[in-house]
């Protein structure tokens, strides 16, 4: 159902916030559909970030696909790298 609560809330988050995708393959067709709708329906151009393990993907191909959804890929090799990568992206007050 296109207008169920879960889809609407995800769409609102994608249109109004910078989102970090951690632990997702980014292959879910429902998520991709929502990201595509969010790009067309958002008043501001938000950039989202997907944290992806380099050895699991064809990097140039995935970069191109994700760029089309307004998502920047943040590549990492080891799970231990994630805290430092997140720390670099999250603004300090």
Protein backbone atom coordinates (compact mmCIF):
# COMPACT_ATOMS: atom_id res chain seq x y z
CA UNK A 1 0.00 0.00 0.00
CA UNK A 2 1.60 3.20 -1.17
CA UNK A 3 0.07 5.41 1.53
CA UNK A 4 0.55 3.24 4.59
CA UNK A 5 2.02 4.86 7.69
CA UNK A 6 5.52 3.37 7.26
CA UNK A 7 5.94 4.59 3.71
CA UNK A 8 4.62 8.06 4.50
CA UNK A 9 6.98 8.45 7.48
CA UNK A 10 9.99 7.27 5.47
CA UNK A 11 9.09 9.66 2.67
CA UNK A 12 8.78 12.56 5.11
CA UNK A 13 12.21 11.72 6.56
CA UNK A 14 13.78 11.56 3.10
CA UNK A 15 12.25 14.89 2.05
CA UNK A 16 13.02 16.82 5.24
CA UNK A 17 16.26 15.42 6.66
CA UNK A 18 19.71 14.29 5.72
CA UNK A 19 19.56 10.52 6.17
CA UNK A 20 22.37 8.08 6.91
CA UNK A 21 21.89 4.52 5.66
CA UNK A 22 24.05 2.18 7.71
CA UNK A 23 23.81 -1.58 7.46
CA UNK A 24 21.57 -1.53 4.38
CA UNK A 25 22.48 -2.96 0.99
CA UNK A 26 20.48 -0.21 -0.73
CA UNK A 27 18.96 -2.90 -2.98
CA UNK A 28 15.45 -2.79 -1.51
CA UNK A 29 13.06 -1.78 -4.31
CA UNK A 30 10.63 -0.11 -1.88
CA UNK A 31 13.37 2.09 -0.42
CA UNK A 32 14.61 3.00 -3.89
CA UNK A 33 11.06 3.90 -4.96
CA UNK A 34 10.68 6.15 -1.92
CA UNK A 35 14.05 7.82 -2.57
CA UNK A 36 13.02 8.43 -6.18
CA UNK A 37 9.73 10.01 -5.08
CA UNK A 38 11.55 12.11 -2.47
CA UNK A 39 13.88 13.59 -5.09
CA UNK A 40 10.92 14.73 -7.19
CA UNK A 41 8.82 15.95 -4.25
CA UNK A 42 11.39 17.72 -2.09
CA UNK A 43 11.49 21.51 -2.01
CA UNK A 44 15.17 21.51 -1.05
CA UNK A 45 17.88 19.32 -2.46
CA UNK A 46 19.03 17.12 0.40
CA UNK A 47 22.02 14.84 0.19
CA UNK A 48 21.83 11.49 1.93
CA UNK A 49 24.68 9.14 2.81
CA UNK A 50 24.95 5.36 2.44
CA UNK A 51 27.77 3.65 4.31
CA UNK A 52 28.82 0.71 2.18
CA UNK A 53 31.54 -1.87 2.61
CA UNK A 54 33.86 -1.56 -0.37
CA UNK A 55 34.50 -5.28 -0.92
CA UNK A 56 30.78 -6.01 -1.37
CA UNK A 57 30.12 -3.75 -4.37
CA UNK A 58 31.20 -2.66 -7.81
CA UNK A 59 32.17 0.81 -6.57
CA UNK A 60 31.83 2.87 -9.80
CA UNK A 61 28.49 1.25 -10.65
CA UNK A 62 27.04 1.76 -7.17
CA UNK A 63 28.28 5.39 -7.07
CA UNK A 64 26.41 6.10 -10.29
CA UNK A 65 23.20 4.41 -9.14
CA UNK A 66 23.18 6.11 -5.73
CA UNK A 67 23.99 9.54 -7.20
CA UNK A 68 20.74 9.23 -9.17
CA UNK A 69 18.87 8.91 -5.87
CA UNK A 70 20.67 11.85 -4.24
CA UNK A 71 22.80 9.55 -2.09
CA UNK A 72 26.54 9.89 -1.53
CA UNK A 73 28.38 6.64 -0.88
CA UNK A 74 30.75 6.57 2.05
CA UNK A 75 33.04 3.61 1.49
CA UNK A 76 34.70 1.69 4.27
CA UNK A 77 36.77 -1.46 4.54
CA UNK A 78 36.34 -2.47 8.18
CA UNK A 79 33.40 -2.04 10.52
CA UNK A 80 35.79 -0.42 12.99
CA UNK A 81 36.08 2.53 10.57
CA UNK A 82 32.42 3.51 10.95
CA UNK A 83 32.64 5.59 14.16
CA UNK A 84 35.38 7.80 12.71
CA UNK A 85 33.52 8.23 9.41
CA UNK A 86 30.33 9.20 11.24
CA UNK A 87 32.24 11.59 13.45
CA UNK A 88 33.59 13.36 10.36
CA UNK A 89 30.10 13.86 8.90
CA UNK A 90 28.16 14.90 11.98
CA UNK A 91 28.52 18.62 12.77
CA UNK A 92 29.88 19.57 16.19
CA UNK A 93 28.11 22.18 18.31
